[in-house]
C-alpha atoms as a PDB file:
ATOM      1  CA  MET A   1       0.000   0.000   0.000  1.00  0.00           C
ATOM      2  CA  SER A   2       1.270   3.467  -0.857  1.00  0.00           C
ATOM      3  CA  ARG A   3       2.487   5.480   2.140  1.00  0.00           C
ATOM      4  CA  THR A   4       2.057   8.833   0.409  1.00  0.00           C
ATOM      5  CA  LEU A   5       0.353  11.301   2.712  1.00  0.00           C
ATOM      6  CA  HIS A   6      -3.100  12.362   1.629  1.00  0.00           C
ATOM      7  CA  ALA A   7      -5.438  15.051   2.930  1.00  0.00           C
ATOM      8  CA  GLN A   8      -6.966  12.826   5.603  1.00  0.00           C
ATOM      9  CA  THR A   9      -3.515  11.859   6.866  1.00  0.00           C
ATOM     10  CA  HIS A  10      -2.680  15.521   7.388  1.00  0.00           C
ATOM     11  CA  ALA A  11      -5.847  15.907   9.440  1.00  0.00           C
ATOM     12  CA  TRP A  12      -4.930  12.873  11.533  1.00  0.00           C
ATOM     13  CA  LEU A  13      -1.424  14.255  12.059  1.00  0.00           C
ATOM     14  CA  LYS A  14      -2.921  17.363  13.625  1.00  0.00           C
ATOM     15  CA  VAL A  15      -4.862  15.171  16.046  1.00  0.00           C
ATOM     16  CA  PHE A  16      -1.702  13.193  16.745  1.00  0.00           C
ATOM     17  CA  ALA A  17       0.333  16.327  17.462  1.00  0.00           C
ATOM     18  CA  ILE A  18      -2.184  17.531  20.047  1.00  0.00           C
ATOM     19  CA  SER A  19      -2.501  14.077  21.621  1.00  0.00           C
ATOM     20  CA  ALA A  20       1.277  13.750  21.813  1.00  0.00           C
ATOM     21  CA  ARG A  21       1.561  17.136  23.479  1.00  0.00           C
ATOM     22  CA  HIS A  22      -0.997  16.240  26.157  1.00  0.00           C
ATOM     23  CA  LEU A  23      -0.262  12.491  26.288  1.00  0.00           C
ATOM     24  CA  SER A  24      -4.017  12.201  26.712  1.00  0.00           C
ATOM     25  CA  PHE A  25      -6.791  11.505  24.218  1.00  0.00           C
ATOM     26  CA  THR A  26      -9.269  13.103  26.613  1.00  0.00           C
ATOM     27  CA  ARG A  27      -7.428  16.424  26.801  1.00  0.00           C
ATOM     28  CA  ALA A  28      -6.805  16.359  23.055  1.00  0.00           C
ATOM     29  CA  ALA A  29     -10.552  15.854  22.534  1.00  0.00           C
ATOM     30  CA  GLU A  30     -11.288  18.858  24.758  1.00  0.00           C
ATOM     31  CA  GLU A  31      -8.925  21.057  22.724  1.00  0.00           C
ATOM     32  CA  LEU A  32     -10.399  19.834  19.440  1.00  0.00           C
ATOM     33  CA  HIS A  33     -14.019  19.974  20.679  1.00  0.00           C
ATOM     34  CA  VAL A  34     -14.703  16.350  19.730  1.00  0.00           C
ATOM     35  CA  THR A  35     -15.226  13.164  21.712  1.00  0.00           C
ATOM     36  CA  THR A  36     -12.437  11.078  23.183  1.00  0.00           C
ATOM     37  CA  GLY A  37     -13.617   8.180  21.047  1.00  0.00           C
ATOM     38  CA  ALA A  38     -13.240  10.266  17.903  1.00  0.00           C
ATOM     39  CA  VAL A  39      -9.632  11.115  18.810  1.00  0.00           C
ATOM     40  CA  SER A  40      -8.821   7.481  19.618  1.00  0.00           C
ATOM     41  CA  GLN A  41     -10.338   6.337  16.332  1.00  0.00           C
ATOM     42  CA  GLN A  42      -8.370   8.877  14.259  1.00  0.00           C
ATOM     43  CA  ILE A  43      -5.121   7.857  15.951  1.00  0.00           C
ATOM     44  CA  LYS A  44      -5.852   4.199  15.124  1.00  0.00           C
ATOM     45  CA  GLN A  45      -6.544   5.151  11.505  1.00  0.00           C
ATOM     46  CA  LEU A  46      -3.268   7.102  11.361  1.00  0.00           C
ATOM     47  CA  GLU A  47      -1.321   4.184  12.810  1.00  0.00           C
ATOM     48  CA  ALA A  48      -2.887   1.863  10.258  1.00  0.00           C
ATOM     49  CA  ARG A  49      -2.039   4.285   7.477  1.00  0.00           C
ATOM     50  CA  LEU A  50       1.571   4.690   8.603  1.00  0.00           C
ATOM     51  CA  GLY A  51       2.139   1.034   9.430  1.00  0.00           C
ATOM     52  CA  PHE A  52       3.484   1.456  12.963  1.00  0.00           C
ATOM     53  CA  LYS A  53       2.237   2.240  16.462  1.00  0.00           C
ATOM     54  CA  LEU A  54       2.499   5.779  17.809  1.00  0.00           C
ATOM     55  CA  PHE A  55       1.283   5.278  21.378  1.00  0.00           C
ATOM     56  CA  ARG A  56       1.504   2.613  24.046  1.00  0.00           C
ATOM     57  CA  ARG A  57      -1.911   2.559  25.654  1.00  0.00           C
ATOM     58  CA  LEU A  58      -1.283   1.890  29.341  1.00  0.00           C
ATOM     59  CA  PRO A  59      -4.052   1.450  31.976  1.00  0.00           C
ATOM     60  CA  ARG A  60      -4.026   5.059  33.189  1.00  0.00           C
ATOM     61  CA  ARG A  61      -1.879   6.944  30.682  1.00  0.00           C
ATOM     62  CA  LEU A  62      -0.385   7.118  27.238  1.00  0.00           C
ATOM     63  CA  GLU A  63       3.252   6.817  26.242  1.00  0.00           C
ATOM     64  CA  LEU A  64       4.765   7.627  22.894  1.00  0.00           C
ATOM     65  CA  THR A  65       6.560   4.800  21.176  1.00  0.00           C
ATOM     66  CA  ASP A  66      10.026   5.492  19.779  1.00  0.00           C
ATOM     67  CA  GLU A  67       8.424   6.047  16.391  1.00  0.00           C
ATOM     68  CA  GLY A  68       5.830   8.288  17.982  1.00  0.00           C
ATOM     69  CA  GLN A  69       8.480  10.423  19.664  1.00  0.00           C
ATOM     70  CA  ARG A  70      10.358  10.896  16.410  1.00  0.00           C
ATOM     71  CA  LEU A  71       7.227  11.760  14.466  1.00  0.00           C
ATOM     72  CA  ALA A  72       5.945  14.120  17.176  1.00  0.00           C
ATOM     73  CA  ALA A  73       9.195  16.118  17.055  1.00  0.00           C
ATOM     74  CA  VAL A  74       9.041  16.461  13.273  1.00  0.00           C
ATOM     75  CA  VAL A  75       5.332  17.343  13.242  1.00  0.00           C
ATOM     76  CA  ASP A  76       5.831  19.988  15.965  1.00  0.00           C
ATOM     77  CA  GLN A  77       8.664  21.593  14.003  1.00  0.00           C
ATOM     78  CA  ALA A  78       6.579  21.575  10.841  1.00  0.00           C
ATOM     79  CA  TYR A  79       3.578  23.214  12.493  1.00  0.00           C
ATOM     80  CA  ASP A  80       5.809  25.766  14.218  1.00  0.00           C
ATOM     81  CA  ALA A  81       7.417  26.641  10.886  1.00  0.00           C
ATOM     82  CA  VAL A  82       4.041  26.976   9.181  1.00  0.00           C
ATOM     83  CA  GLY A  83       2.701  29.127  12.001  1.00  0.00           C
ATOM     84  CA  MET A  84       5.741  31.392  11.954  1.00  0.00           C
ATOM     85  CA  GLU A  85       5.577  31.853   8.194  1.00  0.00           C
ATOM     86  CA  VAL A  86       1.868  32.667   8.359  1.00  0.00           C
ATOM     87  CA  ARG A  87       2.584  35.320  10.989  1.00  0.00           C
ATOM     88  CA  ARG A  88       5.328  36.759   8.801  1.00  0.00           C
ATOM     89  CA  LEU A  89       3.031  36.888   5.802  1.00  0.00           C
ATOM     90  CA  ARG A  90       0.233  38.489   7.791  1.00  0.00           C
ATOM     91  CA  THR A  91       2.446  41.164   9.315  1.00  0.00           C
ATOM     92  CA  GLY A  92       4.632  41.767   6.292  1.00  0.00           C
ATOM     93  CA  VAL A  93       7.717  40.433   8.070  1.00  0.00           C
ATOM     94  CA  MET A  94      10.611  39.741   5.722  1.00  0.00           C
ATOM     95  CA  SER A  95      13.260  37.116   6.223  1.00  0.00           C
ATOM     96  CA  GLY A  96      16.226  35.549   4.532  1.00  0.00           C
ATOM     97  CA  VAL A  97      19.824  36.359   3.705  1.00  0.00           C
ATOM     98  CA  LEU A  98      20.826  39.655   2.117  1.00  0.00           C
ATOM     99  CA  ARG A  99      24.395  40.219   0.944  1.00  0.00           C
ATOM    100  CA  LEU A 100      25.716  43.734   1.520  1.00  0.00           C
ATOM    101  CA  ARG A 101      29.097  44.891   0.280  1.00  0.00           C
ATOM    102  CA  CYS A 102      30.566  48.073   1.761  1.00  0.00           C
ATOM    103  CA  VAL A 103      33.773  50.074   1.602  1.00  0.00           C
ATOM    104  CA  PRO A 104      35.718  49.335   4.824  1.00  0.00           C
ATOM    105  CA  SER A 105      35.982  52.720   6.521  1.00  0.00           C
ATOM    106  CA  PHE A 106      32.351  53.588   5.858  1.00  0.00           C
ATOM    107  CA  LEU A 107      31.388  50.203   7.248  1.00  0.00           C
ATOM    108  CA  ALA A 108      33.497  50.639  10.384  1.00  0.00           C
ATOM    109  CA  LYS A 109      32.695  54.261  11.173  1.00  0.00           C
ATOM    110  CA  TRP A 110      29.223  54.901   9.758  1.00  0.00           C
ATOM    111  CA  LEU A 111      27.295  51.697   9.164  1.00  0.00           C
ATOM    112  CA  MET A 112      28.343  49.505  12.095  1.00  0.00           C
ATOM    113  CA  PRO A 113      27.100  51.897  14.822  1.00  0.00           C
ATOM    114  CA  ARG A 114      23.698  51.930  13.090  1.00  0.00           C
ATOM    115  CA  LEU A 115      23.216  48.233  12.341  1.00  0.00           C
ATOM    116  CA  THR A 116      21.438  47.491  15.612  1.00  0.00           C
ATOM    117  CA  ARG A 117      18.616  49.745  14.397  1.00  0.00           C
ATOM    118  CA  LEU A 118      18.349  47.708  11.203  1.00  0.00           C
ATOM    119  CA  GLN A 119      18.378  44.510  13.253  1.00  0.00           C
ATOM    120  CA  ALA A 120      15.587  45.813  15.474  1.00  0.00           C
ATOM    121  CA  ARG A 121      13.421  46.793  12.520  1.00  0.00           C
ATOM    122  CA  PHE A 122      13.996  43.655  10.436  1.00  0.00           C
ATOM    123  CA  PRO A 123      15.062  40.921  12.876  1.00  0.00           C
ATOM    124  CA  ASP A 124      14.442  38.125  10.366  1.00  0.00           C
ATOM    125  CA  ILE A 125      16.715  39.526   7.659  1.00  0.00           C
ATOM    126  CA  GLU A 126      20.178  37.994   7.988  1.00  0.00           C
ATOM    127  CA  LEU A 127      22.708  40.506   6.702  1.00  0.00           C
ATOM    128  CA  HIS A 128      25.904  39.015   5.256  1.00  0.00           C
ATOM    129  CA  VAL A 129      28.356  41.913   5.135  1.00  0.00           C
ATOM    130  CA  ALA A 130      31.531  41.947   3.051  1.00  0.00           C
ATOM    131  CA  SER A 131      34.124  44.703   3.387  1.00  0.00           C
ATOM    132  CA  GLU A 132      35.752  45.553   0.046  1.00  0.00           C
ATOM    133  CA  ASP A 133      37.809  48.520  -1.129  1.00  0.00           C
ATOM    134  CA  SER A 134      36.426  50.870  -3.762  1.00  0.00           C
ATOM    135  CA  ASN A 135      39.327  50.047  -6.060  1.00  0.00           C
ATOM    136  CA  LEU A 136      37.944  46.514  -6.447  1.00  0.00           C
ATOM    137  CA  SER A 137      35.341  46.392  -9.186  1.00  0.00           C
ATOM    138  CA  LEU A 138      31.751  45.582  -8.349  1.00  0.00           C
ATOM    139  CA  ARG A 139      30.790  42.256  -9.889  1.00  0.00           C
ATOM    140  CA  GLU A 140      27.256  41.168 -10.692  1.00  0.00           C
ATOM    141  CA  GLY A 141      25.955  38.290  -8.613  1.00  0.00           C
ATOM    142  CA  GLU A 142      28.190  38.927  -5.576  1.00  0.00           C
ATOM    143  CA  PHE A 143      25.813  41.174  -3.643  1.00  0.00           C
ATOM    144  CA  GLU A 144      22.258  42.435  -3.418  1.00  0.00           C
ATOM    145  CA  LEU A 145      23.340  45.903  -2.263  1.00  0.00           C
ATOM    146  CA  ALA A 146      26.730  47.621  -2.242  1.00  0.00           C
ATOM    147  CA  ILE A 147      27.759  50.887  -0.602  1.00  0.00           C
ATOM    148  CA  ASP A 148      30.575  52.401  -2.614  1.00  0.00           C
ATOM    149  CA  LEU A 149      32.496  55.676  -2.873  1.00  0.00           C
ATOM    150  CA  ASN A 150      32.998  56.829  -6.431  1.00  0.00           C
ATOM    151  CA  ASP A 151      31.979  59.406  -9.013  1.00  0.00           C
ATOM    152  CA  GLY A 152      28.542  57.853  -9.412  1.00  0.00           C
ATOM    153  CA  ARG A 153      29.202  55.968 -12.643  1.00  0.00           C
ATOM    154  CA  TYR A 154      28.534  52.221 -12.466  1.00  0.00           C
ATOM    155  CA  PRO A 155      27.940  50.723 -15.917  1.00  0.00           C
ATOM    156  CA  GLY A 156      25.386  47.925 -15.780  1.00  0.00           C
ATOM    157  CA  PHE A 157      24.209  48.841 -12.282  1.00  0.00           C
ATOM    158  CA  GLN A 158      21.733  51.275 -10.794  1.00  0.00           C
ATOM    159  CA  ILE A 159      22.690  53.662  -7.990  1.00  0.00           C
ATOM    160  CA  THR A 160      20.906  55.609  -5.293  1.00  0.00           C
ATOM    161  CA  PRO A 161      23.070  58.559  -4.134  1.00  0.00           C
ATOM    162  CA  LEU A 162      23.585  58.785  -0.382  1.00  0.00           C
ATOM    163  CA  MET A 163      26.066  61.494   0.625  1.00  0.00           C
ATOM    164  CA  ASP A 164      28.685  63.643  -1.035  1.00  0.00           C
ATOM    165  CA  GLU A 165      32.045  63.336   0.664  1.00  0.00           C
ATOM    166  CA  GLU A 166      34.106  66.291   1.862  1.00  0.00           C
ATOM    167  CA  ILE A 167      37.588  66.186   3.364  1.00  0.00           C
ATOM    168  CA  PHE A 168      39.651  68.285   5.757  1.00  0.00           C
ATOM    169  CA  ALA A 169      42.933  68.060   7.651  1.00  0.00           C
ATOM    170  CA  VAL A 170      43.027  66.777  11.249  1.00  0.00           C
ATOM    171  CA  CYS A 171      45.656  66.072  13.849  1.00  0.00           C
ATOM    172  CA  SER A 172      46.078  65.499  17.558  1.00  0.00           C
ATOM    173  CA  PRO A 173      46.603  68.614  19.703  1.00  0.00           C
ATOM    174  CA  GLN A 174      49.689  66.888  21.105  1.00  0.00           C
ATOM    175  CA  LEU A 175      51.300  66.878  17.663  1.00  0.00           C
ATOM    176  CA  LEU A 176      51.518  70.686  17.734  1.00  0.00           C
ATOM    177  CA  ARG A 177      53.787  70.720  20.777  1.00  0.00           C
ATOM    178  CA  ARG A 178      57.446  71.464  20.099  1.00  0.00           C
ATOM    179  CA  ARG A 179      56.728  72.147  16.423  1.00  0.00           C
ATOM    180  CA  PRO A 180      56.157  75.343  14.432  1.00  0.00           C
ATOM    181  CA  PRO A 181      52.538  76.561  14.494  1.00  0.00           C
ATOM    182  CA  LEU A 182      50.187  74.919  12.012  1.00  0.00           C
ATOM    183  CA  VAL A 183      48.367  77.976  10.733  1.00  0.00           C
ATOM    184  CA  ARG A 184      48.672  77.912   6.949  1.00  0.00           C
ATOM    185  CA  PRO A 185      48.800  74.958   4.552  1.00  0.00           C
ATOM    186  CA  GLU A 186      52.482  75.575   3.814  1.00  0.00           C
ATOM    187  CA  ASP A 187      53.201  74.894   7.500  1.00  0.00           C
ATOM    188  CA  LEU A 188      52.450  71.232   6.765  1.00  0.00           C
ATOM    189  CA  GLY A 189      56.002  70.983   5.515  1.00  0.00           C
ATOM    190  CA  TYR A 190      57.086  70.716   9.162  1.00  0.00           C
ATOM    191  CA  TYR A 191      54.729  67.822   9.903  1.00  0.00           C
ATOM    192  CA  PRO A 192      54.474  64.130   8.947  1.00  0.00           C
ATOM    193  CA  LEU A 193      51.578  63.381   6.620  1.00  0.00           C
ATOM    194  CA  LEU A 194      49.284  60.354   6.863  1.00  0.00           C
ATOM    195  CA  HIS A 195      47.760  58.890   3.710  1.00  0.00           C
ATOM    196  CA  ASP A 196      44.854  56.602   2.803  1.00  0.00           C
ATOM    197  CA  VAL A 197      46.098  54.754  -0.293  1.00  0.00           C
ATOM    198  CA  THR A 198      42.596  53.492  -1.126  1.00  0.00           C
ATOM    199  CA  ALA A 199      40.820  56.835  -1.034  1.00  0.00           C
ATOM    200  CA  TRP A 200      38.596  56.119  -4.031  1.00  0.00           C
ATOM    201  CA  ARG A 201      38.630  53.995  -7.157  1.00  0.00           C
ATOM    202  CA  GLY A 202      41.594  54.824  -9.337  1.00  0.00           C
ATOM    203  CA  SER A 203      43.289  57.085  -6.782  1.00  0.00           C
ATOM    204  CA  HIS A 204      47.022  56.897  -6.134  1.00  0.00           C
ATOM    205  CA  ASP A 205      48.706  56.818  -2.734  1.00  0.00           C
ATOM    206  CA  TYR A 206      48.849  60.592  -2.247  1.00  0.00           C
ATOM    207  CA  ALA A 207      45.662  61.573  -4.082  1.00  0.00           C
ATOM    208  CA  GLU A 208      43.722  62.904  -1.087  1.00  0.00           C
ATOM    209  CA  TRP A 209      46.423  65.290   0.062  1.00  0.00           C
ATOM    210  CA  GLU A 210      47.118  66.491  -3.480  1.00  0.00           C
ATOM    211  CA  HIS A 211      43.416  67.118  -4.079  1.00  0.00           C
ATOM    212  CA  TYR A 212      43.007  68.875  -0.739  1.00  0.00           C
ATOM    213  CA  LEU A 213      45.985  71.223  -1.067  1.00  0.00           C
ATOM    214  CA  HIS A 214      45.231  71.983  -4.694  1.00  0.00           C
ATOM    215  CA  ALA A 215      41.740  73.097  -3.628  1.00  0.00           C
ATOM    216  CA  LEU A 216      43.328  75.346  -0.992  1.00  0.00           C
ATOM    217  CA  GLY A 217      45.579  76.845  -3.646  1.00  0.00           C
ATOM    218  CA  ASP A 218      48.837  75.523  -2.190  1.00  0.00           C
ATOM    219  CA  GLU A 219      51.322  73.676  -4.391  1.00  0.00           C
ATOM    220  CA  SER A 220      54.391  74.208  -2.193  1.00  0.00           C
ATOM    221  CA  VAL A 221      54.009  71.249   0.181  1.00  0.00           C
ATOM    222  CA  ASN A 222      55.614  67.948  -0.803  1.00  0.00           C
ATOM    223  CA  VAL A 223      52.875  65.445  -0.057  1.00  0.00           C
ATOM    224  CA  ARG A 224      54.698  62.365  -1.366  1.00  0.00           C
ATOM    225  CA  ARG A 225      56.069  61.470   2.048  1.00  0.00           C
ATOM    226  CA  GLY A 226      54.859  60.144   5.375  1.00  0.00           C
ATOM    227  CA  TYR A 227      52.977  57.066   6.473  1.00  0.00           C
ATOM    228  CA  THR A 228      50.476  55.218   4.293  1.00  0.00           C
ATOM    229  CA  PHE A 229      47.510  53.100   5.333  1.00  0.00           C
ATOM    230  CA  ASN A 230      44.911  51.219   3.294  1.00  0.00           C
ATOM    231  CA  ARG A 231      41.906  52.430   5.291  1.00  0.00           C
ATOM    232  CA  ASN A 232      40.766  55.968   6.056  1.00  0.00           C
ATOM    233  CA  HIS A 233      39.782  55.117   9.612  1.00  0.00           C
ATOM    234  CA  LEU A 234      43.311  53.809  10.217  1.00  0.00           C
ATOM    235  CA  THR A 235      44.850  57.114   9.123  1.00  0.00           C
ATOM    236  CA  VAL A 236      42.493  58.871  11.545  1.00  0.00           C
ATOM    237  CA  GLU A 237      43.514  56.508  14.359  1.00  0.00           C
ATOM    238  CA  ALA A 238      47.163  57.250  13.529  1.00  0.00           C
ATOM    239  CA  ALA A 239      46.399  60.967  13.725  1.00  0.00           C
ATOM    240  CA  ILE A 240      44.761  60.516  17.144  1.00  0.00           C
ATOM    241  CA  ALA A 241      47.939  58.733  18.267  1.00  0.00           C
ATOM    242  CA  GLY A 242      49.949  61.802  17.262  1.00  0.00           C
ATOM    243  CA  MET A 243      51.752  60.262  14.289  1.00  0.00           C
ATOM    244  CA  GLY A 244      50.996  63.091  11.867  1.00  0.00           C
ATOM    245  CA  VAL A 245      48.345  65.073  10.036  1.00  0.00           C
ATOM    246  CA  ALA A 246      45.635  63.074   8.261  1.00  0.00           C
ATOM    247  CA  ILE A 247      42.835  63.734   5.835  1.00  0.00           C
ATOM    248  CA  ALA A 248      39.473  63.130   7.517  1.00  0.00           C
ATOM    249  CA  ARG A 249      36.148  62.584   5.815  1.00  0.00           C
ATOM    250  CA  ARG A 250      33.227  64.601   7.072  1.00  0.00           C
ATOM    251  CA  THR A 251      30.948  61.591   6.856  1.00  0.00           C
ATOM    252  CA  LEU A 252      33.216  59.369   8.939  1.00  0.00           C
ATOM    253  CA  ILE A 253      34.211  61.725  11.752  1.00  0.00           C
ATOM    254  CA  THR A 254      31.975  61.083  14.736  1.00  0.00           C
ATOM    255  CA  ASP A 255      32.927  62.598  18.094  1.00  0.00           C
ATOM    256  CA  GLU A 256      36.695  62.894  17.669  1.00  0.00           C
ATOM    257  CA  LEU A 257      36.503  66.682  17.239  1.00  0.00           C
ATOM    258  CA  ASP A 258      33.963  67.172  20.032  1.00  0.00           C
ATOM    259  CA  THR A 259      36.080  65.247  22.548  1.00  0.00           C
ATOM    260  CA  GLY A 260      39.268  67.029  21.558  1.00  0.00           C
ATOM    261  CA  ALA A 261      40.996  63.872  20.363  1.00  0.00           C
ATOM    262  CA  LEU A 262      41.466  65.666  17.056  1.00  0.00           C
ATOM    263  CA  ILE A 263      41.516  69.273  15.910  1.00  0.00           C
ATOM    264  CA  ALA A 264      41.030  70.742  12.450  1.00  0.00           C
ATOM    265  CA  PRO A 265      43.860  73.268  11.980  1.00  0.00           C
ATOM    266  CA  PHE A 266      42.361  74.842   8.847  1.00  0.00           C
ATOM    267  CA  ALA A 267      38.827  76.164   8.412  1.00  0.00           C
ATOM    268  CA  GLY A 268      36.377  74.655   5.969  1.00  0.00           C
ATOM    269  CA  THR A 269      36.134  71.441   4.005  1.00  0.00           C
ATOM    270  CA  VAL A 270      36.970  70.498   0.430  1.00  0.00           C
ATOM    271  CA  ALA A 271      34.567  68.672  -1.855  1.00  0.00           C
ATOM    272  CA  THR A 272      36.039  65.508  -3.334  1.00  0.00           C
ATOM    273  CA  GLY A 273      33.650  65.133  -6.239  1.00  0.00           C
ATOM    274  CA  LYS A 274      32.979  61.633  -4.913  1.00  0.00           C
ATOM    275  CA  ARG A 275      29.860  60.377  -3.243  1.00  0.00           C
ATOM    276  CA  TYR A 276      28.684  57.348  -1.334  1.00  0.00           C
ATOM    277  CA  GLY A 277      25.967  55.501  -3.165  1.00  0.00           C
ATOM    278  CA  LEU A 278      23.884  52.343  -2.945  1.00  0.00           C
ATOM    279  CA  VAL A 279      24.606  50.156  -5.950  1.00  0.00           C
ATOM    280  CA  TYR A 280      22.405  47.276  -7.103  1.00  0.00           C
ATOM    281  CA  ASN A 281      21.412  45.310 -10.162  1.00  0.00           C
ATOM    282  CA  PRO A 282      18.443  46.480 -12.264  1.00  0.00           C
ATOM    283  CA  GLY A 283      15.290  44.987 -10.776  1.00  0.00           C
ATOM    284  CA  ALA A 284      16.911  44.197  -7.411  1.00  0.00           C
ATOM    285  CA  LEU A 285      14.529  46.501  -5.561  1.00  0.00           C
ATOM    286  CA  ASP A 286      11.600  44.356  -6.666  1.00  0.00           C
ATOM    287  CA  ASP A 287      12.677  42.038  -3.852  1.00  0.00           C
ATOM    288  CA  ARG A 288      10.930  43.337  -0.710  1.00  0.00           C
ATOM    289  CA  ARG A 289      13.930  42.472   1.471  1.00  0.00           C
ATOM    290  CA  VAL A 290      16.327  44.416  -0.726  1.00  0.00           C
ATOM    291  CA  ARG A 291      13.915  47.335  -0.945  1.00  0.00           C
ATOM    292  CA  ALA A 292      13.492  47.391   2.841  1.00  0.00           C
ATOM    293  CA  VAL A 293      17.230  47.505   3.579  1.00  0.00           C
ATOM    294  CA  HIS A 294      17.814  49.969   0.733  1.00  0.00           C
ATOM    295  CA  ASP A 295      15.166  52.338   2.094  1.00  0.00           C
ATOM    296  CA  TRP A 296      16.487  51.995   5.640  1.00  0.00           C
ATOM    297  CA  ILE A 297      20.021  52.974   4.559  1.00  0.00           C
ATOM    298  CA  VAL A 298      18.652  55.943   2.604  1.00  0.00           C
ATOM    299  CA  GLU A 299      16.648  56.976   5.678  1.00  0.00           C
ATOM    300  CA  GLU A 300      19.757  56.802   7.882  1.00  0.00           C
ATOM    301  CA  ALA A 301      21.798  58.789   5.349  1.00  0.00           C
ATOM    302  CA  THR A 302      19.097  61.455   5.186  1.00  0.00           C
ATOM    303  CA  ARG A 303      19.058  61.687   8.972  1.00  0.00           C
ATOM    304  CA  ASN A 304      22.857  61.952   8.987  1.00  0.00           C
ATOM    305  CA  SER A 305      22.906  64.753   6.434  1.00  0.00           C
ATOM    306  CA  GLY A 306      20.269  66.564   8.461  1.00  0.00           C
ATOM    307  CA  HIS A 307      22.747  66.815  11.308  1.00  0.00           C
END
């Protein structure tokens, strides 16, 4: 006889699950609003259908057989999973894995402190985050969303702009001791410079400092010297330690200036012509999970720019 489950078997399994939970046909009958005899009969029919016993019927109680215990565990898990999915569908809850690629310093300084808010809003979305430099090309199929710093051109992809990036010089107040005053850009010649060699896609090791000083109208300082790092937040940490003067990004500076860990010796900021953007494949936002995380990041960026 075929053991394929049919509609009646599924009905019997529901009765079995409740009986197994109570270890009582009487209490199962009360929950189902039927007679004890009806429950007992359906369990017998299920056992006959399956070809093995589910309960040992003792004088004053029921015990699950080994087969019954195994089946009860599986049936409970199945009903729990169905119930959870129904609740998700009813409430619009989204779940599943979403791959997010992000440039490292933005991830460390901007996104990470905010991720608990994303987790609280969408607890069933499992974010798989990969940290990749902007100088590594974005490749289709490796992510659902990517946060990148570039000029906004991504052939084959779509982009939602987030924030334009501006830069300025920073250093530790301790660095200024026993050195000439740092008042004008040309005074940088007396100080070590700290460089982010992965500033943006296609940039060379000293690109940030060259861009910054050119915008200030100073060509006298030799910027091709000093310490190099492959992350912006590492150059900022080196500046806090008093190793030299670094280029900070307005987006990535949090409380370092407020606490006095860093100072900005020169007024104003310089536009880089680069912006952070959310990159994705055409049609990716049709996925409700991707759309939800995309919109949350845009919301956070809008809040950030408002400050």
